[in-house]
Amino acid sequence: MRFVDLTLVSKPNTEGKLDADGYPIPDETSTEVYAEMGEVKRLEFYEALRAGTRLSCVFRVRVPDYAGQTIVELDNKRYKVERAYSKDGEWMELNCSELPTAKGGVTDAKS
């Protein structure tokens, strides 16, 4: 595992704010945390694949730092948190899949 500076992004709130064309403007909030990045274990990878999800990485963050965020950002890449759990009450393990990138480099953050 390697240590990384990670950004946890909460699910966008689209209520109340509209652009000039009447479409909702997402209002994201983000939190920077220190995390460990690791690889997906073989069993978890194949179980998720069987369920239709391709896991790409695992992040470990401290329990107080995680508040149910659904998106993780690292090096201008976004990941969707597919599964979050704590084994020991001190660390949260976030199993993530890569979010697709649209043309122009904008990540599709639908979750």
PDB file of N, CA and C in Angstrom:
ATOM      1  N   MET A   1       0.839  -1.177   0.000  1.00  0.00           N
ATOM      2  CA  MET A   1       0.000   0.000   0.000  1.00  0.00           C
ATOM      3  C   MET A   1       0.882   1.238   0.000  1.00  0.00           C
ATOM      4  N   ARG A   2       0.381   2.281  -0.642  1.00  0.00           N
ATOM      5  CA  ARG A   2       1.099   3.551  -0.635  1.00  0.00           C
ATOM      6  C   ARG A   2       0.200   4.642  -0.054  1.00  0.00           C
ATOM      7  N   PHE A   3       0.806   5.640   0.544  1.00  0.00           N
ATOM      8  CA  PHE A   3       0.045   6.728   1.144  1.00  0.00           C
ATOM      9  C   PHE A   3      -0.172   7.829   0.116  1.00  0.00           C
ATOM     10  N   VAL A   4      -1.405   8.365   0.079  1.00  0.00           N
ATOM     11  CA  VAL A   4      -1.769   9.392  -0.889  1.00  0.00           C
ATOM     12  C   VAL A   4      -2.622  10.464  -0.213  1.00  0.00           C
ATOM     13  N   ASP A   5      -2.639  11.657  -0.818  1.00  0.00           N
ATOM     14  CA  ASP A   5      -3.567  12.702  -0.413  1.00  0.00           C
ATOM     15  C   ASP A   5      -4.805  12.540  -1.281  1.00  0.00           C
ATOM     16  N   LEU A   6      -5.908  12.300  -0.652  1.00  0.00           N
ATOM     17  CA  LEU A   6      -7.140  11.916  -1.332  1.00  0.00           C
ATOM     18  C   LEU A   6      -8.206  12.971  -1.095  1.00  0.00           C
ATOM     19  N   THR A   7      -9.092  13.161  -2.063  1.00  0.00           N
ATOM     20  CA  THR A   7     -10.215  14.076  -1.894  1.00  0.00           C
ATOM     21  C   THR A   7     -11.498  13.261  -1.888  1.00  0.00           C
ATOM     22  N   LEU A   8     -12.264  13.381  -0.814  1.00  0.00           N
ATOM     23  CA  LEU A   8     -13.571  12.730  -0.722  1.00  0.00           C
ATOM     24  C   LEU A   8     -14.618  13.760  -1.113  1.00  0.00           C
ATOM     25  N   VAL A   9     -15.471  13.407  -2.082  1.00  0.00           N
ATOM     26  CA  VAL A   9     -16.471  14.332  -2.599  1.00  0.00           C
ATOM     27  C   VAL A   9     -17.848  13.804  -2.247  1.00  0.00           C
ATOM     28  N   SER A  10     -18.656  14.670  -1.647  1.00  0.00           N
ATOM     29  CA  SER A  10     -20.015  14.254  -1.295  1.00  0.00           C
ATOM     30  C   SER A  10     -20.888  14.243  -2.541  1.00  0.00           C
ATOM     31  N   LYS A  11     -21.973  13.509  -2.461  1.00  0.00           N
ATOM     32  CA  LYS A  11     -22.905  13.415  -3.581  1.00  0.00           C
ATOM     33  C   LYS A  11     -23.420  14.816  -3.906  1.00  0.00           C
ATOM     34  N   PRO A  12     -23.418  15.187  -5.184  1.00  0.00           N
ATOM     35  CA  PRO A  12     -23.843  16.534  -5.545  1.00  0.00           C
ATOM     36  C   PRO A  12     -25.289  16.815  -5.135  1.00  0.00           C
ATOM     37  N   ASN A  13     -25.501  17.995  -4.586  1.00  0.00           N
ATOM     38  CA  ASN A  13     -26.832  18.454  -4.235  1.00  0.00           C
ATOM     39  C   ASN A  13     -27.315  19.331  -5.382  1.00  0.00           C
ATOM     40  N   THR A  14     -28.373  18.936  -6.070  1.00  0.00           N
ATOM     41  CA  THR A  14     -28.840  19.674  -7.232  1.00  0.00           C
ATOM     42  C   THR A  14     -30.132  20.436  -6.974  1.00  0.00           C
ATOM     43  N   GLU A  15     -30.539  20.526  -5.730  1.00  0.00           N
ATOM     44  CA  GLU A  15     -31.788  21.212  -5.422  1.00  0.00           C
ATOM     45  C   GLU A  15     -31.585  22.715  -5.319  1.00  0.00           C
ATOM     46  N   GLY A  16     -32.464  23.463  -5.966  1.00  0.00           N
ATOM     47  CA  GLY A  16     -32.505  24.903  -5.782  1.00  0.00           C
ATOM     48  C   GLY A  16     -31.688  25.731  -6.750  1.00  0.00           C
ATOM     49  N   LYS A  17     -30.588  25.255  -7.265  1.00  0.00           N
ATOM     50  CA  LYS A  17     -29.739  26.051  -8.135  1.00  0.00           C
ATOM     51  C   LYS A  17     -29.930  25.622  -9.583  1.00  0.00           C
ATOM     52  N   LEU A  18     -30.243  26.585 -10.444  1.00  0.00           N
ATOM     53  CA  LEU A  18     -30.454  26.299 -11.865  1.00  0.00           C
ATOM     54  C   LEU A  18     -29.561  27.198 -12.700  1.00  0.00           C
ATOM     55  N   ASP A  19     -29.077  26.670 -13.839  1.00  0.00           N
ATOM     56  CA  ASP A  19     -28.293  27.497 -14.745  1.00  0.00           C
ATOM     57  C   ASP A  19     -29.236  28.279 -15.668  1.00  0.00           C
ATOM     58  N   ALA A  20     -28.676  28.984 -16.647  1.00  0.00           N
ATOM     59  CA  ALA A  20     -29.464  29.838 -17.538  1.00  0.00           C
ATOM     60  C   ALA A  20     -30.483  29.046 -18.355  1.00  0.00           C
ATOM     61  N   ASP A  21     -30.201  27.770 -18.613  1.00  0.00           N
ATOM     62  CA  ASP A  21     -31.107  26.933 -19.398  1.00  0.00           C
ATOM     63  C   ASP A  21     -32.108  26.173 -18.534  1.00  0.00           C
ATOM     64  N   GLY A  22     -32.037  26.348 -17.227  1.00  0.00           N
ATOM     65  CA  GLY A  22     -32.981  25.695 -16.330  1.00  0.00           C
ATOM     66  C   GLY A  22     -32.539  24.342 -15.806  1.00  0.00           C
ATOM     67  N   TYR A  23     -31.280  23.962 -16.079  1.00  0.00           N
ATOM     68  CA  TYR A  23     -30.771  22.682 -15.589  1.00  0.00           C
ATOM     69  C   TYR A  23     -30.165  22.862 -14.194  1.00  0.00           C
ATOM     70  N   PRO A  24     -30.301  21.857 -13.328  1.00  0.00           N
ATOM     71  CA  PRO A  24     -29.730  21.987 -11.975  1.00  0.00           C
ATOM     72  C   PRO A  24     -28.206  22.057 -12.003  1.00  0.00           C
ATOM     73  N   ILE A  25     -27.653  22.888 -11.137  1.00  0.00           N
ATOM     74  CA  ILE A  25     -26.196  23.017 -10.991  1.00  0.00           C
ATOM     75  C   ILE A  25     -25.784  22.198  -9.775  1.00  0.00           C
ATOM     76  N   PRO A  26     -24.941  21.177  -9.967  1.00  0.00           N
ATOM     77  CA  PRO A  26     -24.512  20.376  -8.812  1.00  0.00           C
ATOM     78  C   PRO A  26     -23.638  21.188  -7.863  1.00  0.00           C
ATOM     79  N   ASP A  27     -23.858  21.011  -6.590  1.00  0.00           N
ATOM     80  CA  ASP A  27     -23.117  21.704  -5.552  1.00  0.00           C
ATOM     81  C   ASP A  27     -22.376  20.654  -4.730  1.00  0.00           C
ATOM     82  N   GLU A  28     -21.109  20.403  -5.075  1.00  0.00           N
ATOM     83  CA  GLU A  28     -20.330  19.378  -4.388  1.00  0.00           C
ATOM     84  C   GLU A  28     -19.549  19.980  -3.235  1.00  0.00           C
ATOM     85  N   THR A  29     -19.373  19.190  -2.203  1.00  0.00           N
ATOM     86  CA  THR A  29     -18.475  19.573  -1.125  1.00  0.00           C
ATOM     87  C   THR A  29     -17.384  18.514  -1.044  1.00  0.00           C
ATOM     88  N   SER A  30     -16.163  18.955  -0.812  1.00  0.00           N
ATOM     89  CA  SER A  30     -15.054  18.003  -0.791  1.00  0.00           C
ATOM     90  C   SER A  30     -14.224  18.164   0.474  1.00  0.00           C
ATOM     91  N   THR A  31     -13.577  17.057   0.848  1.00  0.00           N
ATOM     92  CA  THR A  31     -12.726  17.008   2.026  1.00  0.00           C
ATOM     93  C   THR A  31     -11.431  16.306   1.653  1.00  0.00           C
ATOM     94  N   GLU A  32     -10.299  16.927   1.958  1.00  0.00           N
ATOM     95  CA  GLU A  32      -9.017  16.280   1.686  1.00  0.00           C
ATOM     96  C   GLU A  32      -8.590  15.479   2.904  1.00  0.00           C
ATOM     97  N   VAL A  33      -8.186  14.239   2.662  1.00  0.00           N
ATOM     98  CA  VAL A  33      -7.750  13.350   3.735  1.00  0.00           C
ATOM     99  C   VAL A  33      -6.479  12.624   3.307  1.00  0.00           C
ATOM    100  N   TYR A  34      -5.812  12.059   4.279  1.00  0.00           N
ATOM    101  CA  TYR A  34      -4.635  11.227   4.055  1.00  0.00           C
ATOM    102  C   TYR A  34      -5.118   9.782   4.039  1.00  0.00           C
ATOM    103  N   ALA A  35      -4.720   9.006   3.045  1.00  0.00           N
ATOM    104  CA  ALA A  35      -5.238   7.645   2.908  1.00  0.00           C
ATOM    105  C   ALA A  35      -4.151   6.686   2.423  1.00  0.00           C
ATOM    106  N   GLU A  36      -4.443   5.414   2.574  1.00  0.00           N
ATOM    107  CA  GLU A  36      -3.608   4.362   1.999  1.00  0.00           C
ATOM    108  C   GLU A  36      -4.311   3.854   0.750  1.00  0.00           C
ATOM    109  N   MET A  37      -3.570   3.683  -0.325  1.00  0.00           N
ATOM    110  CA  MET A  37      -4.141   3.150  -1.564  1.00  0.00           C
ATOM    111  C   MET A  37      -3.570   1.756  -1.788  1.00  0.00           C
ATOM    112  N   GLY A  38      -4.457   0.825  -2.102  1.00  0.00           N
ATOM    113  CA  GLY A  38      -4.021  -0.540  -2.333  1.00  0.00           C
ATOM    114  C   GLY A  38      -4.746  -1.158  -3.507  1.00  0.00           C
ATOM    115  N   GLU A  39      -4.455  -2.396  -3.743  1.00  0.00           N
ATOM    116  CA  GLU A  39      -5.088  -3.129  -4.838  1.00  0.00           C
ATOM    117  C   GLU A  39      -6.268  -3.933  -4.313  1.00  0.00           C
ATOM    118  N   VAL A  40      -7.189  -4.203  -5.208  1.00  0.00           N
ATOM    119  CA  VAL A  40      -8.362  -4.998  -4.864  1.00  0.00           C
ATOM    120  C   VAL A  40      -7.936  -6.453  -4.721  1.00  0.00           C
ATOM    121  N   LYS A  41      -8.404  -7.094  -3.669  1.00  0.00           N
ATOM    122  CA  LYS A  41      -8.096  -8.515  -3.489  1.00  0.00           C
ATOM    123  C   LYS A  41      -8.816  -9.332  -4.559  1.00  0.00           C
ATOM    124  N   ARG A  42      -8.212 -10.431  -4.918  1.00  0.00           N
ATOM    125  CA  ARG A  42      -8.726 -11.246  -6.015  1.00  0.00           C
ATOM    126  C   ARG A  42     -10.173 -11.670  -5.806  1.00  0.00           C
ATOM    127  N   LEU A  43     -10.533 -12.173  -4.631  1.00  0.00           N
ATOM    128  CA  LEU A  43     -11.894 -12.631  -4.372  1.00  0.00           C
ATOM    129  C   LEU A  43     -12.893 -11.482  -4.495  1.00  0.00           C
ATOM    130  N   GLU A  44     -12.558 -10.316  -3.909  1.00  0.00           N
ATOM    131  CA  GLU A  44     -13.455  -9.157  -3.992  1.00  0.00           C
ATOM    132  C   GLU A  44     -13.627  -8.705  -5.435  1.00  0.00           C
ATOM    133  N   PHE A  45     -12.535  -8.724  -6.196  1.00  0.00           N
ATOM    134  CA  PHE A  45     -12.584  -8.304  -7.594  1.00  0.00           C
ATOM    135  C   PHE A  45     -13.550  -9.185  -8.388  1.00  0.00           C
ATOM    136  N   TYR A  46     -13.412 -10.500  -8.267  1.00  0.00           N
ATOM    137  CA  TYR A  46     -14.249 -11.404  -9.058  1.00  0.00           C
ATOM    138  C   TYR A  46     -15.689 -11.442  -8.560  1.00  0.00           C
ATOM    139  N   GLU A  47     -15.906 -11.299  -7.262  1.00  0.00           N
ATOM    140  CA  GLU A  47     -17.281 -11.233  -6.746  1.00  0.00           C
ATOM    141  C   GLU A  47     -17.983  -9.980  -7.258  1.00  0.00           C
ATOM    142  N   ALA A  48     -17.280  -8.858  -7.272  1.00  0.00           N
ATOM    143  CA  ALA A  48     -17.860  -7.614  -7.785  1.00  0.00           C
ATOM    144  C   ALA A  48     -18.096  -7.716  -9.288  1.00  0.00           C
ATOM    145  N   LEU A  49     -17.162  -8.325  -9.998  1.00  0.00           N
ATOM    146  CA  LEU A  49     -17.303  -8.482 -11.446  1.00  0.00           C
ATOM    147  C   LEU A  49     -18.516  -9.343 -11.779  1.00  0.00           C
ATOM    148  N   ARG A  50     -18.740 -10.350 -10.968  1.00  0.00           N
ATOM    149  CA  ARG A  50     -19.904 -11.222 -11.171  1.00  0.00           C
ATOM    150  C   ARG A  50     -21.209 -10.441 -10.950  1.00  0.00           C
ATOM    151  N   ALA A  51     -21.147  -9.426 -10.093  1.00  0.00           N
ATOM    152  CA  ALA A  51     -22.314  -8.580  -9.822  1.00  0.00           C
ATOM    153  C   ALA A  51     -22.416  -7.417 -10.809  1.00  0.00           C
ATOM    154  N   GLY A  52     -21.468  -7.324 -11.747  1.00  0.00           N
ATOM    155  CA  GLY A  52     -21.540  -6.289 -12.776  1.00  0.00           C
ATOM    156  C   GLY A  52     -20.734  -5.037 -12.498  1.00  0.00           C
ATOM    157  N   THR A  53     -19.832  -5.079 -11.517  1.00  0.00           N
ATOM    158  CA  THR A  53     -19.017  -3.917 -11.166  1.00  0.00           C
ATOM    159  C   THR A  53     -17.543  -4.270 -11.296  1.00  0.00           C
ATOM    160  N   ARG A  54     -16.773  -3.381 -11.923  1.00  0.00           N
ATOM    161  CA  ARG A  54     -15.331  -3.608 -12.057  1.00  0.00           C
ATOM    162  C   ARG A  54     -14.595  -2.725 -11.051  1.00  0.00           C
ATOM    163  N   LEU A  55     -14.162  -3.324  -9.938  1.00  0.00           N
ATOM    164  CA  LEU A  55     -13.408  -2.587  -8.923  1.00  0.00           C
ATOM    165  C   LEU A  55     -12.005  -2.314  -9.447  1.00  0.00           C
ATOM    166  N   SER A  56     -11.502  -1.104  -9.178  1.00  0.00           N
ATOM    167  CA  SER A  56     -10.174  -0.768  -9.678  1.00  0.00           C
ATOM    168  C   SER A  56      -9.157  -0.499  -8.574  1.00  0.00           C
ATOM    169  N   CYS A  57      -9.613  -0.080  -7.381  1.00  0.00           N
ATOM    170  CA  CYS A  57      -8.668   0.169  -6.298  1.00  0.00           C
ATOM    171  C   CYS A  57      -9.384   0.194  -4.954  1.00  0.00           C
ATOM    172  N   VAL A  58      -8.571   0.157  -3.916  1.00  0.00           N
ATOM    173  CA  VAL A  58      -9.076   0.194  -2.544  1.00  0.00           C
ATOM    174  C   VAL A  58      -8.353   1.319  -1.816  1.00  0.00           C
ATOM    175  N   PHE A  59      -9.112   2.138  -1.100  1.00  0.00           N
ATOM    176  CA  PHE A  59      -8.539   3.192  -0.279  1.00  0.00           C
ATOM    177  C   PHE A  59      -8.894   2.911   1.173  1.00  0.00           C
ATOM    178  N   ARG A  60      -7.942   3.164   2.073  1.00  0.00           N
ATOM    179  CA  ARG A  60      -8.204   3.046   3.513  1.00  0.00           C
ATOM    180  C   ARG A  60      -8.078   4.427   4.127  1.00  0.00           C
ATOM    181  N   VAL A  61      -9.156   4.884   4.740  1.00  0.00           N
ATOM    182  CA  VAL A  61      -9.164   6.187   5.416  1.00  0.00           C
ATOM    183  C   VAL A  61      -9.600   5.985   6.862  1.00  0.00           C
ATOM    184  N   ARG A  62      -9.246   6.904   7.711  1.00  0.00           N
ATOM    185  CA  ARG A  62      -9.646   6.810   9.115  1.00  0.00           C
ATOM    186  C   ARG A  62     -11.147   7.022   9.237  1.00  0.00           C
ATOM    187  N   VAL A  63     -11.779   6.309  10.154  1.00  0.00           N
ATOM    188  CA  VAL A  63     -13.233   6.381  10.351  1.00  0.00           C
ATOM    189  C   VAL A  63     -13.723   7.816  10.552  1.00  0.00           C
ATOM    190  N   PRO A  64     -13.060   8.656  11.377  1.00  0.00           N
ATOM    191  CA  PRO A  64     -13.569  10.025  11.555  1.00  0.00           C
ATOM    192  C   PRO A  64     -13.525  10.877  10.284  1.00  0.00           C
ATOM    193  N   ASP A  65     -12.660  10.500   9.319  1.00  0.00           N
ATOM    194  CA  ASP A  65     -12.532  11.269   8.077  1.00  0.00           C
ATOM    195  C   ASP A  65     -13.606  10.938   7.056  1.00  0.00           C
ATOM    196  N   TYR A  66     -14.278   9.819   7.212  1.00  0.00           N
ATOM    197  CA  TYR A  66     -15.249   9.374   6.209  1.00  0.00           C
ATOM    198  C   TYR A  66     -16.675   9.596   6.713  1.00  0.00           C
ATOM    199  N   ALA A  67     -17.463  10.322   5.909  1.00  0.00           N
ATOM    200  CA  ALA A  67     -18.834  10.635   6.299  1.00  0.00           C
ATOM    201  C   ALA A  67     -19.829  10.219   5.223  1.00  0.00           C
ATOM    202  N   GLY A  68     -19.570   9.077   4.592  1.00  0.00           N
ATOM    203  CA  GLY A  68     -20.507   8.560   3.598  1.00  0.00           C
ATOM    204  C   GLY A  68     -20.355   9.165   2.210  1.00  0.00           C
ATOM    205  N   GLN A  69     -19.224   9.780   1.926  1.00  0.00           N
ATOM    206  CA  GLN A  69     -19.011  10.359   0.606  1.00  0.00           C
ATOM    207  C   GLN A  69     -19.089   9.264  -0.455  1.00  0.00           C
ATOM    208  N   THR A  70     -19.548   9.631  -1.648  1.00  0.00           N
ATOM    209  CA  THR A  70     -19.771   8.644  -2.700  1.00  0.00           C
ATOM    210  C   THR A  70     -18.744   8.698  -3.816  1.00  0.00           C
ATOM    211  N   ILE A  71     -17.930   9.751  -3.833  1.00  0.00           N
ATOM    212  CA  ILE A  71     -16.933   9.913  -4.891  1.00  0.00           C
ATOM    213  C   ILE A  71     -15.575  10.174  -4.255  1.00  0.00           C
ATOM    214  N   VAL A  72     -14.530   9.564  -4.831  1.00  0.00           N
ATOM    215  CA  VAL A  72     -13.154   9.758  -4.391  1.00  0.00           C
ATOM    216  C   VAL A  72     -12.384  10.330  -5.572  1.00  0.00           C
ATOM    217  N   GLU A  73     -11.540  11.317  -5.313  1.00  0.00           N
ATOM    218  CA  GLU A  73     -10.756  11.918  -6.385  1.00  0.00           C
ATOM    219  C   GLU A  73      -9.276  11.828  -6.053  1.00  0.00           C
ATOM    220  N   LEU A  74      -8.493  11.361  -7.028  1.00  0.00           N
ATOM    221  CA  LEU A  74      -7.054  11.228  -6.862  1.00  0.00           C
ATOM    222  C   LEU A  74      -6.393  11.478  -8.213  1.00  0.00           C
ATOM    223  N   ASP A  75      -5.440  12.394  -8.271  1.00  0.00           N
ATOM    224  CA  ASP A  75      -4.709  12.709  -9.503  1.00  0.00           C
ATOM    225  C   ASP A  75      -5.648  13.009 -10.669  1.00  0.00           C
ATOM    226  N   ASN A  76      -6.643  13.845 -10.442  1.00  0.00           N
ATOM    227  CA  ASN A  76      -7.627  14.248 -11.458  1.00  0.00           C
ATOM    228  C   ASN A  76      -8.434  13.087 -12.025  1.00  0.00           C
ATOM    229  N   LYS A  77      -8.495  11.995 -11.309  1.00  0.00           N
ATOM    230  CA  LYS A  77      -9.321  10.848 -11.677  1.00  0.00           C
ATOM    231  C   LYS A  77     -10.360  10.662 -10.599  1.00  0.00           C
ATOM    232  N   ARG A  78     -11.574  10.328 -11.013  1.00  0.00           N
ATOM    233  CA  ARG A  78     -12.642  10.129 -10.039  1.00  0.00           C
ATOM    234  C   ARG A  78     -13.025   8.652  -9.974  1.00  0.00           C
ATOM    235  N   TYR A  79     -13.341   8.237  -8.745  1.00  0.00           N
ATOM    236  CA  TYR A  79     -13.741   6.865  -8.486  1.00  0.00           C
ATOM    237  C   TYR A  79     -15.062   6.879  -7.724  1.00  0.00           C
ATOM    238  N   LYS A  80     -15.882   5.900  -7.983  1.00  0.00           N
ATOM    239  CA  LYS A  80     -17.147   5.752  -7.262  1.00  0.00           C
ATOM    240  C   LYS A  80     -16.932   4.757  -6.126  1.00  0.00           C
ATOM    241  N   VAL A  81     -17.379   5.113  -4.940  1.00  0.00           N
ATOM    242  CA  VAL A  81     -17.284   4.200  -3.799  1.00  0.00           C
ATOM    243  C   VAL A  81     -18.389   3.158  -3.953  1.00  0.00           C
ATOM    244  N   GLU A  82     -18.000   1.934  -4.232  1.00  0.00           N
ATOM    245  CA  GLU A  82     -18.965   0.848  -4.434  1.00  0.00           C
ATOM    246  C   GLU A  82     -19.322   0.178  -3.109  1.00  0.00           C
ATOM    247  N   ARG A  83     -18.335   0.122  -2.214  1.00  0.00           N
ATOM    248  CA  ARG A  83     -18.547  -0.543  -0.930  1.00  0.00           C
ATOM    249  C   ARG A  83     -17.639   0.095   0.107  1.00  0.00           C
ATOM    250  N   ALA A  84     -18.190   0.411   1.256  1.00  0.00           N
ATOM    251  CA  ALA A  84     -17.404   0.987   2.341  1.00  0.00           C
ATOM    252  C   ALA A  84     -17.696   0.208   3.618  1.00  0.00           C
ATOM    253  N   TYR A  85     -16.645  -0.213   4.290  1.00  0.00           N
ATOM    254  CA  TYR A  85     -16.844  -0.958   5.535  1.00  0.00           C
ATOM    255  C   TYR A  85     -15.635  -0.785   6.440  1.00  0.00           C
ATOM    256  N   SER A  86     -15.861  -1.053   7.708  1.00  0.00           N
ATOM    257  CA  SER A  86     -14.797  -0.970   8.697  1.00  0.00           C
ATOM    258  C   SER A  86     -14.615  -2.340   9.329  1.00  0.00           C
ATOM    259  N   LYS A  87     -13.377  -2.798   9.368  1.00  0.00           N
ATOM    260  CA  LYS A  87     -13.080  -4.087  10.001  1.00  0.00           C
ATOM    261  C   LYS A  87     -12.787  -3.932  11.489  1.00  0.00           C
ATOM    262  N   ASP A  88     -12.087  -2.844  11.818  1.00  0.00           N
ATOM    263  CA  ASP A  88     -11.591  -2.704  13.184  1.00  0.00           C
ATOM    264  C   ASP A  88     -12.106  -1.470  13.921  1.00  0.00           C
ATOM    265  N   GLY A  89     -12.964  -0.668  13.292  1.00  0.00           N
ATOM    266  CA  GLY A  89     -13.490   0.529  13.926  1.00  0.00           C
ATOM    267  C   GLY A  89     -12.573   1.731  13.835  1.00  0.00           C
ATOM    268  N   GLU A  90     -11.355   1.541  13.351  1.00  0.00           N
ATOM    269  CA  GLU A  90     -10.402   2.637  13.217  1.00  0.00           C
ATOM    270  C   GLU A  90     -10.232   3.070  11.765  1.00  0.00           C
ATOM    271  N   TRP A  91     -10.293   2.114  10.835  1.00  0.00           N
ATOM    272  CA  TRP A  91     -10.106   2.383   9.411  1.00  0.00           C
ATOM    273  C   TRP A  91     -11.355   1.998   8.622  1.00  0.00           C
ATOM    274  N   MET A  92     -11.687   2.813   7.609  1.00  0.00           N
ATOM    275  CA  MET A  92     -12.737   2.475   6.644  1.00  0.00           C
ATOM    276  C   MET A  92     -12.038   2.014   5.378  1.00  0.00           C
ATOM    277  N   GLU A  93     -12.512   0.928   4.812  1.00  0.00           N
ATOM    278  CA  GLU A  93     -11.967   0.452   3.555  1.00  0.00           C
ATOM    279  C   GLU A  93     -12.980   0.777   2.463  1.00  0.00           C
ATOM    280  N   LEU A  94     -12.551   1.529   1.455  1.00  0.00           N
ATOM    281  CA  LEU A  94     -13.426   1.953   0.369  1.00  0.00           C
ATOM    282  C   LEU A  94     -13.048   1.210  -0.899  1.00  0.00           C
ATOM    283  N   ASN A  95     -13.914   0.331  -1.357  1.00  0.00           N
ATOM    284  CA  ASN A  95     -13.704  -0.372  -2.617  1.00  0.00           C
ATOM    285  C   ASN A  95     -14.306   0.490  -3.715  1.00  0.00           C
ATOM    286  N   CYS A  96     -13.488   0.855  -4.696  1.00  0.00           N
ATOM    287  CA  CYS A  96     -13.914   1.840  -5.693  1.00  0.00           C
ATOM    288  C   CYS A  96     -13.769   1.341  -7.120  1.00  0.00           C
ATOM    289  N   SER A  97     -14.639   1.878  -7.975  1.00  0.00           N
ATOM    290  CA  SER A  97     -14.544   1.644  -9.415  1.00  0.00           C
ATOM    291  C   SER A  97     -14.309   2.980 -10.088  1.00  0.00           C
ATOM    292  N   GLU A  98     -13.612   2.959 -11.227  1.00  0.00           N
ATOM    293  CA  GLU A  98     -13.329   4.192 -11.950  1.00  0.00           C
ATOM    294  C   GLU A  98     -14.596   4.728 -12.586  1.00  0.00           C
ATOM    295  N   LEU A  99     -14.797   6.044 -12.471  1.00  0.00           N
ATOM    296  CA  LEU A  99     -15.920   6.678 -13.150  1.00  0.00           C
ATOM    297  C   LEU A  99     -15.497   6.978 -14.578  1.00  0.00           C
ATOM    298  N   PRO A 100     -16.387   6.777 -15.546  1.00  0.00           N
ATOM    299  CA  PRO A 100     -16.026   7.056 -16.931  1.00  0.00           C
ATOM    300  C   PRO A 100     -15.771   8.545 -17.151  1.00  0.00           C
ATOM    301  N   THR A 101     -14.869   8.863 -18.049  1.00  0.00           N
ATOM    302  CA  THR A 101     -14.541  10.244 -18.370  1.00  0.00           C
ATOM    303  C   THR A 101     -15.176  10.582 -19.713  1.00  0.00           C
ATOM    304  N   ALA A 102     -15.927  11.673 -19.739  1.00  0.00           N
ATOM    305  CA  ALA A 102     -16.535  12.136 -20.992  1.00  0.00           C
ATOM    306  C   ALA A 102     -15.497  12.843 -21.839  1.00  0.00           C
ATOM    307  N   LYS A 103     -15.828  13.130 -23.087  1.00  0.00           N
ATOM    308  CA  LYS A 103     -14.926  13.875 -23.958  1.00  0.00           C
ATOM    309  C   LYS A 103     -14.664  15.230 -23.345  1.00  0.00           C
ATOM    310  N   GLY A 104     -13.425  15.676 -23.431  1.00  0.00           N
ATOM    311  CA  GLY A 104     -13.064  16.953 -22.851  1.00  0.00           C
ATOM    312  C   GLY A 104     -12.530  16.817 -21.436  1.00  0.00           C
ATOM    313  N   GLY A 105     -12.477  15.596 -20.907  1.00  0.00           N
ATOM    314  CA  GLY A 105     -11.882  15.357 -19.596  1.00  0.00           C
ATOM    315  C   GLY A 105     -12.794  15.547 -18.424  1.00  0.00           C
ATOM    316  N   VAL A 106     -14.068  15.790 -18.645  1.00  0.00           N
ATOM    317  CA  VAL A 106     -14.998  15.958 -17.545  1.00  0.00           C
ATOM    318  C   VAL A 106     -15.518  14.598 -17.122  1.00  0.00           C
ATOM    319  N   THR A 107     -15.446  14.307 -15.836  1.00  0.00           N
ATOM    320  CA  THR A 107     -15.879  13.016 -15.323  1.00  0.00           C
ATOM    321  C   THR A 107     -17.385  12.988 -15.147  1.00  0.00           C
ATOM    322  N   ASP A 108     -17.988  11.909 -15.576  1.00  0.00           N
ATOM    323  CA  ASP A 108     -19.420  11.713 -15.389  1.00  0.00           C
ATOM    324  C   ASP A 108     -19.636  11.213 -13.978  1.00  0.00           C
ATOM    325  N   ALA A 109     -20.173  12.065 -13.106  1.00  0.00           N
ATOM    326  CA  ALA A 109     -20.281  11.739 -11.686  1.00  0.00           C
ATOM    327  C   ALA A 109     -21.668  11.252 -11.288  1.00  0.00           C
ATOM    328  N   LYS A 110     -22.391  10.649 -12.198  1.00  0.00           N
ATOM    329  CA  LYS A 110     -23.694  10.101 -11.829  1.00  0.00           C
ATOM    330  C   LYS A 110     -23.474   8.916 -10.916  1.00  0.00           C
ATOM    331  N   SER A 111     -24.246   8.850  -9.837  1.00  0.00           N
ATOM    332  CA  SER A 111     -24.079   7.715  -8.919  1.00  0.00           C
ATOM    333  C   SER A 111     -25.398   7.201  -8.451  1.00  0.00           C
TER     334      SER A 111
END
